[in-house]
PDB file of N, CA and C in Angstrom:
ATOM      1  N   MET A   1     110.601 116.301 120.000  1.00  0.00           N
ATOM      2  CA  MET A   1     109.550 115.611 120.806  1.00  0.00           C
ATOM      3  C   MET A   1     109.097 116.589 121.712  1.00  0.00           C
ATOM      4  N   ILE A   2     107.883 116.168 122.441  1.00  0.00           N
ATOM      5  CA  ILE A   2     107.045 117.122 123.428  1.00  0.00           C
ATOM      6  C   ILE A   2     108.026 117.169 124.673  1.00  0.00           C
ATOM      7  N   LYS A   3     107.985 118.370 125.291  1.00  0.00           N
ATOM      8  CA  LYS A   3     108.663 118.448 126.481  1.00  0.00           C
ATOM      9  C   LYS A   3     108.776 117.507 127.570  1.00  0.00           C
ATOM     10  N   ASP A   4     107.675 116.996 127.966  1.00  0.00           N
ATOM     11  CA  ASP A   4     107.673 115.868 129.014  1.00  0.00           C
ATOM     12  C   ASP A   4     107.472 114.560 128.377  1.00  0.00           C
ATOM     13  N   ASP A   5     108.262 114.256 127.394  1.00  0.00           N
ATOM     14  CA  ASP A   5     108.116 113.067 126.508  1.00  0.00           C
ATOM     15  C   ASP A   5     109.157 112.072 127.073  1.00  0.00           C
ATOM     16  N   ALA A   6     109.749 112.206 128.107  1.00  0.00           N
ATOM     17  CA  ALA A   6     110.877 111.189 128.425  1.00  0.00           C
ATOM     18  C   ALA A   6     110.496 109.725 128.393  1.00  0.00           C
ATOM     19  N   PRO A   7     109.454 109.355 129.049  1.00  0.00           N
ATOM     20  CA  PRO A   7     109.014 107.918 128.993  1.00  0.00           C
ATOM     21  C   PRO A   7     108.995 107.471 127.500  1.00  0.00           C
ATOM     22  N   ASN A   8     108.349 108.322 126.650  1.00  0.00           N
ATOM     23  CA  ASN A   8     108.111 107.982 125.355  1.00  0.00           C
ATOM     24  C   ASN A   8     109.492 107.937 124.448  1.00  0.00           C
ATOM     25  N   ARG A   9     110.305 108.959 124.898  1.00  0.00           N
ATOM     26  CA  ARG A   9     111.730 108.905 124.353  1.00  0.00           C
ATOM     27  C   ARG A   9     112.401 107.622 124.556  1.00  0.00           C
ATOM     28  N   GLU A  10     112.320 107.132 125.842  1.00  0.00           N
ATOM     29  CA  GLU A  10     113.053 105.844 126.193  1.00  0.00           C
ATOM     30  C   GLU A  10     112.380 104.748 125.435  1.00  0.00           C
ATOM     31  N   ALA A  11     111.091 104.758 125.435  1.00  0.00           N
ATOM     32  CA  ALA A  11     110.347 103.654 124.588  1.00  0.00           C
ATOM     33  C   ALA A  11     110.798 103.651 123.086  1.00  0.00           C
ATOM     34  N   VAL A  12     110.759 104.793 122.560  1.00  0.00           N
ATOM     35  CA  VAL A  12     111.147 104.953 121.136  1.00  0.00           C
ATOM     36  C   VAL A  12     112.695 104.594 120.974  1.00  0.00           C
ATOM     37  N   GLU A  13     113.452 104.904 121.762  1.00  0.00           N
ATOM     38  CA  GLU A  13     114.917 104.314 121.744  1.00  0.00           C
ATOM     39  C   GLU A  13     115.144 103.061 121.761  1.00  0.00           C
ATOM     40  N   ALA A  14     114.425 102.381 122.702  1.00  0.00           N
ATOM     41  CA  ALA A  14     114.308 100.979 122.973  1.00  0.00           C
ATOM     42  C   ALA A  14     113.846 100.071 121.806  1.00  0.00           C
ATOM     43  N   LEU A  15     112.762 100.572 121.139  1.00  0.00           N
ATOM     44  CA  LEU A  15     112.090  99.938 120.014  1.00  0.00           C
ATOM     45  C   LEU A  15     112.882 100.023 118.801  1.00  0.00           C
ATOM     46  N   ILE A  16     113.527 101.183 118.583  1.00  0.00           N
ATOM     47  CA  ILE A  16     114.348 101.273 117.532  1.00  0.00           C
ATOM     48  C   ILE A  16     115.670 100.509 117.591  1.00  0.00           C
ATOM     49  N   ALA A  17     116.176 100.385 118.813  1.00  0.00           N
ATOM     50  CA  ALA A  17     117.342  99.404 119.010  1.00  0.00           C
ATOM     51  C   ALA A  17     117.045  97.915 118.759  1.00  0.00           C
ATOM     52  N   ALA A  18     115.609  97.749 119.024  1.00  0.00           N
ATOM     53  CA  ALA A  18     115.216  96.276 118.760  1.00  0.00           C
ATOM     54  C   ALA A  18     114.716  96.092 117.370  1.00  0.00           C
ATOM     55  N   GLY A  19     115.066  97.105 116.458  1.00  0.00           N
ATOM     56  CA  GLY A  19     114.756  96.899 115.054  1.00  0.00           C
ATOM     57  C   GLY A  19     113.365  97.407 114.444  1.00  0.00           C
ATOM     58  N   TYR A  20     112.675  98.023 115.530  1.00  0.00           N
ATOM     59  CA  TYR A  20     111.316  98.635 115.011  1.00  0.00           C
ATOM     60  C   TYR A  20     111.570 100.052 114.266  1.00  0.00           C
ATOM     61  N   MET A  21     110.728 100.317 113.356  1.00  0.00           N
ATOM     62  CA  MET A  21     110.680 101.654 112.724  1.00  0.00           C
ATOM     63  C   MET A  21     109.678 102.510 113.349  1.00  0.00           C
ATOM     64  N   VAL A  22     110.063 103.545 114.039  1.00  0.00           N
ATOM     65  CA  VAL A  22     109.391 104.480 114.946  1.00  0.00           C
ATOM     66  C   VAL A  22     109.441 105.901 114.476  1.00  0.00           C
ATOM     67  N   GLU A  23     108.309 106.592 114.145  1.00  0.00           N
ATOM     68  CA  GLU A  23     108.301 107.885 113.936  1.00  0.00           C
ATOM     69  C   GLU A  23     107.023 108.517 114.321  1.00  0.00           C
ATOM     70  N   ARG A  24     107.034 110.053 114.521  1.00  0.00           N
ATOM     71  CA  ARG A  24     105.890 110.624 114.816  1.00  0.00           C
ATOM     72  C   ARG A  24     104.865 110.572 113.691  1.00  0.00           C
ATOM     73  N   PHE A  25     103.662 110.424 113.976  1.00  0.00           N
ATOM     74  CA  PHE A  25     102.537 110.355 112.917  1.00  0.00           C
ATOM     75  C   PHE A  25     102.332 111.810 112.441  1.00  0.00           C
ATOM     76  N   ASP A  26     102.560 111.988 111.241  1.00  0.00           N
ATOM     77  CA  ASP A  26     102.476 113.387 110.485  1.00  0.00           C
ATOM     78  C   ASP A  26     101.271 114.158 110.764  1.00  0.00           C
ATOM     79  N   GLU A  27     100.193 113.480 110.780  1.00  0.00           N
ATOM     80  CA  GLU A  27      98.867 114.203 110.851  1.00  0.00           C
ATOM     81  C   GLU A  27      98.614 114.657 112.276  1.00  0.00           C
ATOM     82  N   ASP A  28      99.236 114.017 113.319  1.00  0.00           N
ATOM     83  CA  ASP A  28      98.985 114.342 114.648  1.00  0.00           C
ATOM     84  C   ASP A  28     100.179 114.123 115.466  1.00  0.00           C
ATOM     85  N   PRO A  29     101.035 115.093 115.870  1.00  0.00           N
ATOM     86  CA  PRO A  29     102.280 114.859 116.485  1.00  0.00           C
ATOM     87  C   PRO A  29     102.144 114.244 117.844  1.00  0.00           C
ATOM     88  N   THR A  30     100.967 113.885 118.495  1.00  0.00           N
ATOM     89  CA  THR A  30     100.742 113.319 119.720  1.00  0.00           C
ATOM     90  C   THR A  30     100.645 111.809 119.456  1.00  0.00           C
ATOM     91  N   LEU A  31     100.594 111.391 118.263  1.00  0.00           N
ATOM     92  CA  LEU A  31     100.628 109.938 117.893  1.00  0.00           C
ATOM     93  C   LEU A  31     101.898 109.419 117.266  1.00  0.00           C
ATOM     94  N   TRP A  32     102.192 108.180 117.309  1.00  0.00           N
ATOM     95  CA  TRP A  32     103.405 107.551 116.779  1.00  0.00           C
ATOM     96  C   TRP A  32     103.098 106.540 115.775  1.00  0.00           C
ATOM     97  N   ARG A  33     103.832 106.205 114.760  1.00  0.00           N
ATOM     98  CA  ARG A  33     103.727 105.177 113.760  1.00  0.00           C
ATOM     99  C   ARG A  33     104.939 104.225 114.089  1.00  0.00           C
ATOM    100  N   VAL A  34     104.471 102.967 114.528  1.00  0.00           N
ATOM    101  CA  VAL A  34     105.496 101.864 114.833  1.00  0.00           C
ATOM    102  C   VAL A  34     105.287 100.792 113.888  1.00  0.00           C
ATOM    103  N   ASN A  35     106.242 100.644 113.029  1.00  0.00           N
ATOM    104  CA  ASN A  35     106.096  99.493 112.028  1.00  0.00           C
ATOM    105  C   ASN A  35     104.919  99.717 111.110  1.00  0.00           C
ATOM    106  N   GLY A  36     104.445 100.989 110.887  1.00  0.00           N
ATOM    107  CA  GLY A  36     103.325 101.298 110.134  1.00  0.00           C
ATOM    108  C   GLY A  36     102.058 101.345 110.889  1.00  0.00           C
ATOM    109  N   GLU A  37     102.003 100.929 112.155  1.00  0.00           N
ATOM    110  CA  GLU A  37     100.810 100.974 112.844  1.00  0.00           C
ATOM    111  C   GLU A  37     100.713 102.219 113.770  1.00  0.00           C
ATOM    112  N   VAL A  38      99.663 103.024 113.641  1.00  0.00           N
ATOM    113  CA  VAL A  38      99.498 104.173 114.539  1.00  0.00           C
ATOM    114  C   VAL A  38      99.183 103.880 116.035  1.00  0.00           C
ATOM    115  N   MET A  39      99.943 104.543 116.906  1.00  0.00           N
ATOM    116  CA  MET A  39      99.741 104.212 118.382  1.00  0.00           C
ATOM    117  C   MET A  39      99.830 105.598 119.113  1.00  0.00           C
ATOM    118  N   THR A  40      99.064 105.621 120.414  1.00  0.00           N
ATOM    119  CA  THR A  40      99.139 106.629 121.175  1.00  0.00           C
ATOM    120  C   THR A  40     100.570 106.557 121.883  1.00  0.00           C
ATOM    121  N   GLY A  41     101.001 107.510 122.895  1.00  0.00           N
ATOM    122  CA  GLY A  41     102.101 107.449 123.606  1.00  0.00           C
ATOM    123  C   GLY A  41     102.016 106.303 124.471  1.00  0.00           C
ATOM    124  N   ALA A  42     100.611 106.001 125.167  1.00  0.00           N
ATOM    125  CA  ALA A  42     100.538 105.028 126.236  1.00  0.00           C
ATOM    126  C   ALA A  42     100.792 103.652 125.452  1.00  0.00           C
ATOM    127  N   GLU A  43     100.152 103.592 124.226  1.00  0.00           N
ATOM    128  CA  GLU A  43     100.421 102.297 123.493  1.00  0.00           C
ATOM    129  C   GLU A  43     101.802 101.995 123.181  1.00  0.00           C
ATOM    130  N   LEU A  44     102.577 102.961 122.780  1.00  0.00           N
ATOM    131  CA  LEU A  44     104.115 102.941 122.446  1.00  0.00           C
ATOM    132  C   LEU A  44     104.720 102.381 123.765  1.00  0.00           C
ATOM    133  N   LEU A  45     104.405 103.122 124.997  1.00  0.00           N
ATOM    134  CA  LEU A  45     105.097 102.630 126.122  1.00  0.00           C
ATOM    135  C   LEU A  45     104.627 101.181 126.489  1.00  0.00           C
ATOM    136  N   ASN A  46     103.393 100.748 126.222  1.00  0.00           N
ATOM    137  CA  ASN A  46     102.834  99.389 126.403  1.00  0.00           C
ATOM    138  C   ASN A  46     103.719  98.440 125.536  1.00  0.00           C
ATOM    139  N   GLU A  47     103.820  98.848 124.263  1.00  0.00           N
ATOM    140  CA  GLU A  47     104.595  97.899 123.358  1.00  0.00           C
ATOM    141  C   GLU A  47     106.002  97.638 123.742  1.00  0.00           C
ATOM    142  N   ALA A  48     106.637  98.599 124.107  1.00  0.00           N
ATOM    143  CA  ALA A  48     108.039  98.505 124.675  1.00  0.00           C
ATOM    144  C   ALA A  48     108.084  97.563 125.918  1.00  0.00           C
ATOM    145  N   LYS A  49     107.126  97.770 126.749  1.00  0.00           N
ATOM    146  CA  LYS A  49     107.040  97.004 128.047  1.00  0.00           C
ATOM    147  C   LYS A  49     106.665  95.559 127.686  1.00  0.00           C
ATOM    148  N   GLN A  50     105.752  95.195 126.765  1.00  0.00           N
ATOM    149  CA  GLN A  50     105.406  93.970 126.451  1.00  0.00           C
ATOM    150  C   GLN A  50     106.598  93.200 125.677  1.00  0.00           C
ATOM    151  N   MET A  51     107.397  93.948 124.988  1.00  0.00           N
ATOM    152  CA  MET A  51     108.493  93.250 124.199  1.00  0.00           C
ATOM    153  C   MET A  51     109.609  93.083 125.278  1.00  0.00           C
ATOM    154  N   GLY A  52     109.490  93.523 126.508  1.00  0.00           N
ATOM    155  CA  GLY A  52     110.523  93.248 127.613  1.00  0.00           C
ATOM    156  C   GLY A  52     111.730  94.238 127.442  1.00  0.00           C
ATOM    157  N   LEU A  53     111.390  95.387 126.655  1.00  0.00           N
ATOM    158  CA  LEU A  53     112.450  96.419 126.366  1.00  0.00           C
ATOM    159  C   LEU A  53     112.482  97.575 127.510  1.00  0.00           C
ATOM    160  N   MET A  54     111.440  97.657 128.237  1.00  0.00           N
ATOM    161  CA  MET A  54     111.575  98.553 129.264  1.00  0.00           C
ATOM    162  C   MET A  54     110.894  97.807 130.654  1.00  0.00           C
ATOM    163  N   ASP A  55     111.268  98.291 131.726  1.00  0.00           N
ATOM    164  CA  ASP A  55     110.797  97.871 133.073  1.00  0.00           C
ATOM    165  C   ASP A  55     109.325  98.423 133.174  1.00  0.00           C
ATOM    166  N   GLY A  56     108.390  97.747 133.862  1.00  0.00           N
ATOM    167  CA  GLY A  56     107.152  98.316 134.238  1.00  0.00           C
ATOM    168  C   GLY A  56     106.094  97.328 134.311  1.00  0.00           C
TER     169      GLY A  56
END
């Protein structure tokens, strides 16, 4: 992960624990693939927050 990626790391861990498949997007390591959908780091955080997996 990128050095200052702590919020994203927390979101990734929460989403994986909830059964999501989460991985870095191969073509651009600043993007994420979540259950097959490509997301930015902000979208990843938003997804975890909307699912009630993170405070915010």
